[in-house]
């Protein structure tokens, strides 16, 4: 972490402070959407630390916890009253073909109505021509969702 008063850069999160902010916002009636810039890993399953930190934010009251760091899609879970998507995958990066799934991503569209979270639409995209996100074909979408649900332990 290199950020300081005189130097821009990254700074480690103060998770205790974030927990208190989430609790305070929930008490005020807000639906909290929390995003992490967490560890960058190239696999569907998050690290134990990512799971613990995400669940901690959910336990504090976040309705949605989403990982913005992932260069490939990660699993999701429904945890208590929260939706956690550990990593959406690339959106505007150029790691195309670094690993099997770095050319795929989710664009999660969250739906709220009258102060209530109704759910998520999982939009699937694939990249062509280095950073051109394109909606997946029905066959590719089906394969990606099957993989997501299997990795997430949600397949039947």
N, C-alpha and C. Protein backbone atom coordinates (compact mmCIF):
# COMPACT_ATOMS: atom_id res chain seq x y z
N UNK A 1 0.85 -1.18 0.00
CA UNK A 1 0.00 0.00 0.00
C UNK A 1 0.89 1.23 0.00
N UNK A 2 0.77 2.05 -1.03
CA UNK A 2 1.67 3.19 -1.16
C UNK A 2 0.98 4.53 -0.99
N UNK A 3 -0.30 4.56 -0.78
CA UNK A 3 -1.00 5.83 -0.66
C UNK A 3 -0.61 6.53 0.64
N UNK A 4 -0.45 7.84 0.52
CA UNK A 4 -0.13 8.66 1.69
C UNK A 4 -0.67 10.07 1.41
N UNK A 5 -0.41 10.98 2.31
CA UNK A 5 -0.86 12.36 2.10
C UNK A 5 -0.25 12.96 0.84
N UNK A 6 0.95 12.52 0.47
CA UNK A 6 1.66 13.10 -0.67
C UNK A 6 1.83 12.15 -1.85
N UNK A 7 1.29 10.94 -1.76
CA UNK A 7 1.53 9.95 -2.79
C UNK A 7 0.25 9.17 -3.09
N UNK A 8 -0.22 9.16 -4.32
CA UNK A 8 -1.40 8.36 -4.65
C UNK A 8 -1.04 6.89 -4.70
N UNK A 9 -2.02 6.04 -4.61
CA UNK A 9 -1.77 4.61 -4.70
C UNK A 9 -2.79 3.82 -3.92
N UNK A 10 -2.48 2.57 -3.71
CA UNK A 10 -3.38 1.67 -3.00
C UNK A 10 -3.22 1.87 -1.49
N UNK A 11 -4.26 1.50 -0.77
CA UNK A 11 -4.22 1.57 0.68
C UNK A 11 -5.02 0.38 1.20
N UNK A 12 -4.49 -0.31 2.19
CA UNK A 12 -5.21 -1.44 2.76
C UNK A 12 -6.50 -0.96 3.42
N UNK A 13 -7.53 -1.76 3.27
CA UNK A 13 -8.83 -1.44 3.88
C UNK A 13 -8.76 -1.57 5.39
N UNK A 14 -9.46 -0.71 6.07
CA UNK A 14 -9.67 -0.87 7.50
C UNK A 14 -11.01 -1.57 7.63
N UNK A 15 -10.98 -2.89 7.70
CA UNK A 15 -12.21 -3.67 7.70
C UNK A 15 -13.08 -3.39 8.91
N UNK A 16 -12.47 -3.12 10.05
CA UNK A 16 -13.27 -2.79 11.24
C UNK A 16 -14.09 -1.52 10.99
N UNK A 17 -13.46 -0.52 10.39
CA UNK A 17 -14.16 0.73 10.09
C UNK A 17 -15.26 0.49 9.05
N UNK A 18 -14.99 -0.34 8.07
CA UNK A 18 -16.00 -0.63 7.04
C UNK A 18 -17.20 -1.36 7.63
N UNK A 19 -16.95 -2.28 8.54
CA UNK A 19 -18.05 -2.98 9.21
C UNK A 19 -18.94 -1.97 9.93
N UNK A 20 -18.34 -1.04 10.64
CA UNK A 20 -19.12 -0.03 11.36
C UNK A 20 -19.89 0.87 10.40
N UNK A 21 -19.29 1.22 9.26
CA UNK A 21 -20.00 2.04 8.27
C UNK A 21 -21.20 1.30 7.68
N UNK A 22 -21.02 0.01 7.38
CA UNK A 22 -22.13 -0.78 6.85
C UNK A 22 -23.25 -0.85 7.87
N UNK A 23 -22.92 -1.13 9.12
CA UNK A 23 -23.94 -1.21 10.17
C UNK A 23 -24.68 0.12 10.30
N UNK A 24 -23.96 1.21 10.27
CA UNK A 24 -24.56 2.53 10.39
C UNK A 24 -25.51 2.81 9.22
N UNK A 25 -25.07 2.50 8.02
CA UNK A 25 -25.91 2.72 6.83
C UNK A 25 -27.16 1.86 6.87
N UNK A 26 -27.03 0.63 7.32
CA UNK A 26 -28.21 -0.25 7.44
C UNK A 26 -29.20 0.32 8.45
N UNK A 27 -28.69 0.84 9.56
CA UNK A 27 -29.57 1.44 10.57
C UNK A 27 -30.32 2.64 10.01
N UNK A 28 -29.71 3.34 9.04
CA UNK A 28 -30.36 4.48 8.39
C UNK A 28 -31.33 4.04 7.30
N UNK A 29 -31.40 2.73 7.03
CA UNK A 29 -32.35 2.22 6.06
C UNK A 29 -31.80 1.96 4.67
N UNK A 30 -30.49 2.06 4.49
CA UNK A 30 -29.89 1.84 3.17
C UNK A 30 -29.67 0.36 2.89
N UNK A 31 -29.77 0.00 1.61
CA UNK A 31 -29.34 -1.31 1.12
C UNK A 31 -27.89 -1.12 0.68
N UNK A 32 -26.96 -1.74 1.35
CA UNK A 32 -25.53 -1.51 1.10
C UNK A 32 -25.01 -2.47 0.04
N UNK A 33 -24.35 -1.89 -0.97
CA UNK A 33 -23.62 -2.66 -1.98
C UNK A 33 -22.15 -2.41 -1.71
N UNK A 34 -21.44 -3.47 -1.37
CA UNK A 34 -20.03 -3.37 -0.99
C UNK A 34 -19.18 -4.04 -2.05
N UNK A 35 -18.17 -3.34 -2.55
CA UNK A 35 -17.27 -3.96 -3.53
C UNK A 35 -15.87 -4.03 -2.96
N UNK A 36 -15.21 -5.14 -3.24
CA UNK A 36 -13.83 -5.38 -2.84
C UNK A 36 -12.91 -5.27 -4.04
N UNK A 37 -11.75 -4.66 -3.83
CA UNK A 37 -10.62 -4.83 -4.72
C UNK A 37 -9.68 -5.74 -3.94
N UNK A 38 -9.93 -7.04 -4.04
CA UNK A 38 -9.27 -8.02 -3.19
C UNK A 38 -8.11 -8.67 -3.95
N UNK A 39 -7.72 -9.86 -3.56
CA UNK A 39 -6.61 -10.57 -4.19
C UNK A 39 -6.95 -10.94 -5.63
N UNK A 40 -5.96 -10.85 -6.50
CA UNK A 40 -6.14 -11.26 -7.89
C UNK A 40 -5.65 -12.69 -8.04
N UNK A 41 -6.59 -13.59 -8.31
CA UNK A 41 -6.25 -14.99 -8.49
C UNK A 41 -6.88 -15.47 -9.79
N UNK A 42 -6.33 -16.51 -10.34
CA UNK A 42 -6.79 -17.02 -11.63
C UNK A 42 -7.41 -18.40 -11.46
N UNK A 43 -8.52 -18.43 -10.76
CA UNK A 43 -9.29 -19.66 -10.57
C UNK A 43 -10.71 -19.26 -10.16
N UNK A 44 -11.64 -20.17 -10.27
CA UNK A 44 -13.03 -19.89 -9.95
C UNK A 44 -13.28 -19.76 -8.45
N UNK A 45 -12.53 -20.49 -7.64
CA UNK A 45 -12.76 -20.49 -6.19
C UNK A 45 -11.91 -19.43 -5.51
N UNK A 46 -12.53 -18.60 -4.67
CA UNK A 46 -11.79 -17.56 -3.95
C UNK A 46 -10.92 -18.17 -2.85
N UNK A 47 -10.01 -17.36 -2.36
CA UNK A 47 -9.16 -17.79 -1.25
C UNK A 47 -9.99 -17.79 0.05
N UNK A 48 -9.46 -18.45 1.07
CA UNK A 48 -10.14 -18.45 2.38
C UNK A 48 -10.27 -17.02 2.92
N UNK A 49 -9.25 -16.19 2.69
CA UNK A 49 -9.29 -14.80 3.15
C UNK A 49 -10.39 -14.01 2.44
N UNK A 50 -10.53 -14.22 1.13
CA UNK A 50 -11.59 -13.53 0.39
C UNK A 50 -12.97 -13.93 0.91
N UNK A 51 -13.14 -15.21 1.18
CA UNK A 51 -14.43 -15.70 1.70
C UNK A 51 -14.69 -15.08 3.07
N UNK A 52 -13.71 -15.13 3.95
CA UNK A 52 -13.89 -14.59 5.31
C UNK A 52 -14.20 -13.09 5.27
N UNK A 53 -13.45 -12.34 4.47
CA UNK A 53 -13.67 -10.89 4.40
C UNK A 53 -15.04 -10.56 3.79
N UNK A 54 -15.42 -11.27 2.75
CA UNK A 54 -16.72 -11.01 2.11
C UNK A 54 -17.87 -11.35 3.05
N UNK A 55 -17.75 -12.48 3.72
CA UNK A 55 -18.81 -12.87 4.67
C UNK A 55 -18.86 -11.89 5.85
N UNK A 56 -17.73 -11.35 6.22
CA UNK A 56 -17.72 -10.36 7.31
C UNK A 56 -18.52 -9.14 6.91
N UNK A 57 -18.40 -8.69 5.67
CA UNK A 57 -19.17 -7.53 5.20
C UNK A 57 -20.66 -7.88 5.11
N UNK A 58 -20.95 -9.11 4.70
CA UNK A 58 -22.34 -9.57 4.67
C UNK A 58 -22.92 -9.63 6.08
N UNK A 59 -22.14 -10.17 7.02
CA UNK A 59 -22.60 -10.24 8.42
C UNK A 59 -22.84 -8.85 8.99
N UNK A 60 -22.10 -7.86 8.51
CA UNK A 60 -22.29 -6.48 8.98
C UNK A 60 -23.59 -5.89 8.43
N UNK A 61 -24.13 -6.50 7.35
CA UNK A 61 -25.39 -6.02 6.82
C UNK A 61 -25.38 -5.67 5.34
N UNK A 62 -24.27 -5.90 4.63
CA UNK A 62 -24.25 -5.60 3.20
C UNK A 62 -25.23 -6.52 2.47
N UNK A 63 -26.05 -5.96 1.64
CA UNK A 63 -27.00 -6.74 0.85
C UNK A 63 -26.27 -7.49 -0.26
N UNK A 64 -25.31 -6.80 -0.88
CA UNK A 64 -24.52 -7.36 -1.97
C UNK A 64 -23.05 -7.13 -1.65
N UNK A 65 -22.24 -8.17 -1.86
CA UNK A 65 -20.78 -8.05 -1.76
C UNK A 65 -20.24 -8.55 -3.09
N UNK A 66 -19.44 -7.71 -3.74
CA UNK A 66 -18.97 -8.03 -5.09
C UNK A 66 -17.47 -7.78 -5.20
N UNK A 67 -16.76 -8.71 -5.82
CA UNK A 67 -15.34 -8.56 -6.04
C UNK A 67 -15.07 -7.91 -7.38
N UNK A 68 -14.33 -6.82 -7.37
CA UNK A 68 -14.02 -6.10 -8.62
C UNK A 68 -12.61 -6.38 -9.11
N UNK A 69 -11.87 -7.22 -8.39
CA UNK A 69 -10.45 -7.45 -8.69
C UNK A 69 -10.22 -8.57 -9.69
N UNK A 70 -11.18 -9.41 -9.93
CA UNK A 70 -10.95 -10.67 -10.62
C UNK A 70 -10.65 -10.48 -12.10
N UNK A 71 -9.63 -11.16 -12.56
CA UNK A 71 -9.33 -11.17 -13.99
C UNK A 71 -9.92 -12.39 -14.67
N UNK A 72 -10.72 -13.12 -13.93
CA UNK A 72 -11.53 -14.20 -14.47
C UNK A 72 -12.70 -14.37 -13.51
N UNK A 73 -13.81 -14.95 -13.95
CA UNK A 73 -14.96 -15.10 -13.06
C UNK A 73 -14.64 -15.97 -11.84
N UNK A 74 -15.28 -15.62 -10.73
CA UNK A 74 -15.22 -16.42 -9.51
C UNK A 74 -16.63 -16.89 -9.16
N UNK A 75 -16.69 -17.80 -8.24
CA UNK A 75 -17.98 -18.35 -7.80
C UNK A 75 -18.82 -17.29 -7.08
N UNK A 76 -20.06 -17.65 -6.83
CA UNK A 76 -20.96 -16.81 -6.05
C UNK A 76 -21.57 -17.64 -4.94
N UNK A 77 -22.19 -16.96 -3.99
CA UNK A 77 -22.94 -17.67 -2.97
C UNK A 77 -24.03 -16.78 -2.39
N UNK A 78 -25.05 -17.45 -1.92
CA UNK A 78 -26.09 -16.79 -1.13
C UNK A 78 -25.73 -17.08 0.31
N UNK A 79 -25.38 -16.04 1.04
CA UNK A 79 -24.89 -16.19 2.40
C UNK A 79 -25.78 -15.38 3.32
N UNK A 80 -26.42 -16.05 4.26
CA UNK A 80 -27.39 -15.40 5.16
C UNK A 80 -28.39 -14.64 4.29
N UNK A 81 -28.49 -13.32 4.48
CA UNK A 81 -29.42 -12.52 3.68
C UNK A 81 -28.70 -11.75 2.57
N UNK A 82 -27.50 -12.18 2.21
CA UNK A 82 -26.68 -11.45 1.26
C UNK A 82 -26.38 -12.27 0.01
N UNK A 83 -26.07 -11.55 -1.07
CA UNK A 83 -25.59 -12.15 -2.30
C UNK A 83 -24.11 -11.78 -2.43
N UNK A 84 -23.25 -12.78 -2.54
CA UNK A 84 -21.82 -12.54 -2.69
C UNK A 84 -21.37 -13.11 -4.03
N UNK A 85 -20.79 -12.26 -4.86
CA UNK A 85 -20.13 -12.70 -6.10
C UNK A 85 -18.66 -12.33 -5.93
N UNK A 86 -17.84 -13.34 -5.75
CA UNK A 86 -16.45 -13.13 -5.36
C UNK A 86 -15.59 -12.45 -6.42
N UNK A 87 -16.00 -12.52 -7.65
CA UNK A 87 -15.27 -11.84 -8.72
C UNK A 87 -16.03 -11.93 -10.02
N UNK A 88 -16.17 -10.79 -10.68
CA UNK A 88 -16.95 -10.73 -11.91
C UNK A 88 -16.15 -11.11 -13.15
N UNK A 89 -14.84 -11.01 -13.07
CA UNK A 89 -13.99 -11.24 -14.24
C UNK A 89 -13.56 -9.91 -14.83
N UNK A 90 -12.80 -9.99 -15.89
CA UNK A 90 -12.33 -8.78 -16.56
C UNK A 90 -13.47 -7.99 -17.16
N UNK A 91 -13.25 -6.72 -17.34
CA UNK A 91 -14.19 -5.90 -18.10
C UNK A 91 -13.42 -5.06 -19.10
N UNK A 92 -12.41 -4.36 -18.66
CA UNK A 92 -11.65 -3.50 -19.56
C UNK A 92 -10.15 -3.77 -19.49
N UNK A 93 -9.77 -5.01 -19.26
CA UNK A 93 -8.36 -5.34 -19.14
C UNK A 93 -7.92 -6.20 -20.31
N UNK A 94 -6.63 -6.40 -20.42
CA UNK A 94 -6.10 -7.07 -21.60
C UNK A 94 -5.44 -8.42 -21.29
N UNK A 95 -5.95 -9.15 -20.33
CA UNK A 95 -5.39 -10.45 -20.02
C UNK A 95 -6.00 -11.55 -20.88
N UNK A 96 -6.48 -11.19 -22.03
CA UNK A 96 -7.11 -12.14 -22.93
C UNK A 96 -6.17 -13.32 -23.18
N UNK A 97 -6.67 -14.53 -22.91
CA UNK A 97 -5.94 -15.78 -23.15
C UNK A 97 -4.77 -16.03 -22.20
N UNK A 98 -4.63 -15.27 -21.13
CA UNK A 98 -3.59 -15.58 -20.14
C UNK A 98 -3.86 -16.95 -19.54
N UNK A 99 -5.12 -17.18 -19.18
CA UNK A 99 -5.58 -18.45 -18.64
C UNK A 99 -6.89 -18.79 -19.32
N UNK A 100 -7.43 -19.96 -19.05
CA UNK A 100 -8.61 -20.43 -19.77
C UNK A 100 -9.80 -19.47 -19.71
N UNK A 101 -10.01 -18.80 -18.59
CA UNK A 101 -11.25 -18.03 -18.43
C UNK A 101 -11.03 -16.52 -18.29
N UNK A 102 -9.85 -16.02 -18.64
CA UNK A 102 -9.62 -14.58 -18.56
C UNK A 102 -10.28 -13.82 -19.70
N UNK A 103 -10.92 -14.50 -20.61
CA UNK A 103 -11.65 -13.84 -21.68
C UNK A 103 -13.15 -13.85 -21.43
N UNK A 104 -13.57 -14.09 -20.18
CA UNK A 104 -14.98 -14.17 -19.82
C UNK A 104 -15.26 -13.30 -18.59
N UNK A 105 -16.50 -12.82 -18.51
CA UNK A 105 -16.86 -12.00 -17.34
C UNK A 105 -18.37 -11.99 -17.14
N UNK A 106 -18.75 -11.55 -15.96
CA UNK A 106 -20.15 -11.30 -15.62
C UNK A 106 -20.37 -9.81 -15.47
N UNK A 107 -21.50 -9.36 -15.89
CA UNK A 107 -22.00 -8.02 -15.58
C UNK A 107 -23.25 -8.27 -14.74
N UNK A 108 -23.15 -8.13 -13.45
CA UNK A 108 -24.28 -8.40 -12.57
C UNK A 108 -25.21 -7.20 -12.53
N UNK A 109 -26.47 -7.42 -12.91
CA UNK A 109 -27.48 -6.38 -12.84
C UNK A 109 -28.36 -6.70 -11.63
N UNK A 110 -28.27 -5.84 -10.63
CA UNK A 110 -29.02 -6.05 -9.39
C UNK A 110 -30.33 -5.29 -9.45
N UNK A 111 -31.40 -5.94 -9.01
CA UNK A 111 -32.73 -5.38 -9.13
C UNK A 111 -33.30 -5.12 -7.73
N UNK A 112 -33.71 -3.88 -7.53
CA UNK A 112 -34.33 -3.44 -6.28
C UNK A 112 -35.71 -2.90 -6.60
N UNK A 113 -36.64 -3.05 -5.67
CA UNK A 113 -37.96 -2.47 -5.83
C UNK A 113 -38.48 -2.11 -4.45
N UNK A 114 -38.91 -0.87 -4.32
CA UNK A 114 -39.54 -0.40 -3.09
C UNK A 114 -38.69 -0.73 -1.86
N UNK A 115 -37.38 -0.48 -1.98
CA UNK A 115 -36.49 -0.68 -0.86
C UNK A 115 -36.09 -2.11 -0.57
N UNK A 116 -36.44 -3.03 -1.46
CA UNK A 116 -36.13 -4.44 -1.25
C UNK A 116 -35.28 -4.96 -2.41
N UNK A 117 -34.33 -5.81 -2.09
CA UNK A 117 -33.50 -6.45 -3.10
C UNK A 117 -34.25 -7.65 -3.64
N UNK A 118 -34.50 -7.65 -4.94
CA UNK A 118 -35.24 -8.74 -5.57
C UNK A 118 -34.34 -9.82 -6.14
N UNK A 119 -33.14 -9.47 -6.59
CA UNK A 119 -32.26 -10.48 -7.13
C UNK A 119 -31.29 -9.92 -8.15
N UNK A 120 -30.63 -10.85 -8.84
CA UNK A 120 -29.57 -10.48 -9.76
C UNK A 120 -29.82 -11.12 -11.12
N UNK A 121 -29.49 -10.38 -12.16
CA UNK A 121 -29.45 -10.93 -13.51
C UNK A 121 -27.97 -11.11 -13.84
N UNK A 122 -27.58 -12.33 -14.16
CA UNK A 122 -26.18 -12.63 -14.48
C UNK A 122 -26.00 -12.49 -15.99
N UNK A 123 -25.44 -11.38 -16.41
CA UNK A 123 -25.17 -11.14 -17.83
C UNK A 123 -23.77 -11.66 -18.13
N UNK A 124 -23.64 -12.48 -19.15
CA UNK A 124 -22.35 -13.09 -19.48
C UNK A 124 -21.78 -12.45 -20.73
N UNK A 125 -20.48 -12.13 -20.66
CA UNK A 125 -19.79 -11.55 -21.81
C UNK A 125 -18.48 -12.29 -22.05
N UNK A 126 -18.03 -12.20 -23.29
CA UNK A 126 -16.75 -12.74 -23.69
C UNK A 126 -16.02 -11.67 -24.47
N UNK A 127 -14.69 -11.72 -24.46
CA UNK A 127 -13.90 -10.67 -25.09
C UNK A 127 -13.29 -11.13 -26.40
N UNK A 128 -13.32 -10.22 -27.34
CA UNK A 128 -12.70 -10.42 -28.64
C UNK A 128 -11.91 -9.16 -28.97
N UNK A 129 -10.94 -9.27 -29.79
CA UNK A 129 -10.16 -8.11 -30.22
C UNK A 129 -9.60 -7.31 -29.04
N UNK A 130 -9.17 -8.00 -28.01
CA UNK A 130 -8.53 -7.35 -26.87
C UNK A 130 -9.39 -6.25 -26.27
N UNK A 131 -10.24 -6.62 -25.38
CA UNK A 131 -11.06 -5.70 -24.58
C UNK A 131 -12.33 -5.25 -25.28
N UNK A 132 -12.91 -6.07 -26.11
CA UNK A 132 -14.21 -5.77 -26.69
C UNK A 132 -15.22 -6.74 -26.07
N UNK A 133 -15.88 -6.34 -24.97
CA UNK A 133 -16.85 -7.25 -24.35
C UNK A 133 -18.07 -7.43 -25.25
N UNK A 134 -18.43 -8.68 -25.47
CA UNK A 134 -19.54 -9.03 -26.36
C UNK A 134 -20.44 -10.02 -25.63
N UNK A 135 -21.75 -9.83 -25.73
CA UNK A 135 -22.66 -10.79 -25.12
C UNK A 135 -22.38 -12.18 -25.67
N UNK A 136 -22.42 -13.18 -24.81
CA UNK A 136 -22.13 -14.54 -25.22
C UNK A 136 -23.27 -15.12 -26.07
N UNK A 137 -22.90 -16.09 -26.89
CA UNK A 137 -23.91 -16.86 -27.61
C UNK A 137 -24.70 -17.66 -26.58
N UNK A 138 -25.90 -18.10 -26.91
CA UNK A 138 -26.66 -18.92 -25.95
C UNK A 138 -25.89 -20.16 -25.48
N UNK A 139 -25.13 -20.79 -26.38
CA UNK A 139 -24.38 -21.99 -26.01
C UNK A 139 -23.24 -21.65 -25.05
N UNK A 140 -22.51 -20.59 -25.33
CA UNK A 140 -21.41 -20.17 -24.46
C UNK A 140 -21.95 -19.72 -23.11
N UNK A 141 -23.07 -18.99 -23.12
CA UNK A 141 -23.69 -18.54 -21.87
C UNK A 141 -24.09 -19.73 -21.01
N UNK A 142 -24.73 -20.71 -21.63
CA UNK A 142 -25.16 -21.90 -20.89
C UNK A 142 -23.96 -22.61 -20.26
N UNK A 143 -22.88 -22.75 -21.01
CA UNK A 143 -21.69 -23.41 -20.49
C UNK A 143 -21.09 -22.62 -19.33
N UNK A 144 -21.06 -21.29 -19.45
CA UNK A 144 -20.48 -20.47 -18.38
C UNK A 144 -21.34 -20.52 -17.13
N UNK A 145 -22.65 -20.46 -17.29
CA UNK A 145 -23.52 -20.53 -16.12
C UNK A 145 -23.46 -21.90 -15.46
N UNK A 146 -23.38 -22.96 -16.26
CA UNK A 146 -23.23 -24.30 -15.68
C UNK A 146 -21.94 -24.39 -14.87
N UNK A 147 -20.87 -23.82 -15.39
CA UNK A 147 -19.59 -23.82 -14.67
C UNK A 147 -19.71 -23.01 -13.38
N UNK A 148 -20.31 -21.83 -13.46
CA UNK A 148 -20.49 -20.98 -12.28
C UNK A 148 -21.27 -21.72 -11.20
N UNK A 149 -22.39 -22.32 -11.58
CA UNK A 149 -23.22 -23.00 -10.58
C UNK A 149 -22.52 -24.23 -10.02
N UNK A 150 -21.77 -24.94 -10.84
CA UNK A 150 -21.02 -26.10 -10.34
C UNK A 150 -19.94 -25.65 -9.35
N UNK A 151 -19.17 -24.63 -9.72
CA UNK A 151 -18.11 -24.13 -8.84
C UNK A 151 -18.68 -23.56 -7.55
N UNK A 152 -19.90 -23.04 -7.62
CA UNK A 152 -20.55 -22.43 -6.46
C UNK A 152 -21.31 -23.45 -5.61
N UNK A 153 -21.33 -24.70 -6.04
CA UNK A 153 -22.06 -25.73 -5.32
C UNK A 153 -23.56 -25.60 -5.45
N UNK A 154 -24.01 -25.00 -6.55
CA UNK A 154 -25.44 -24.78 -6.77
C UNK A 154 -26.01 -25.65 -7.89
N UNK A 155 -25.21 -26.55 -8.45
CA UNK A 155 -25.71 -27.40 -9.53
C UNK A 155 -26.55 -28.52 -8.94
N UNK A 156 -27.41 -29.05 -9.77
CA UNK A 156 -28.27 -30.13 -9.27
C UNK A 156 -27.81 -31.48 -9.71
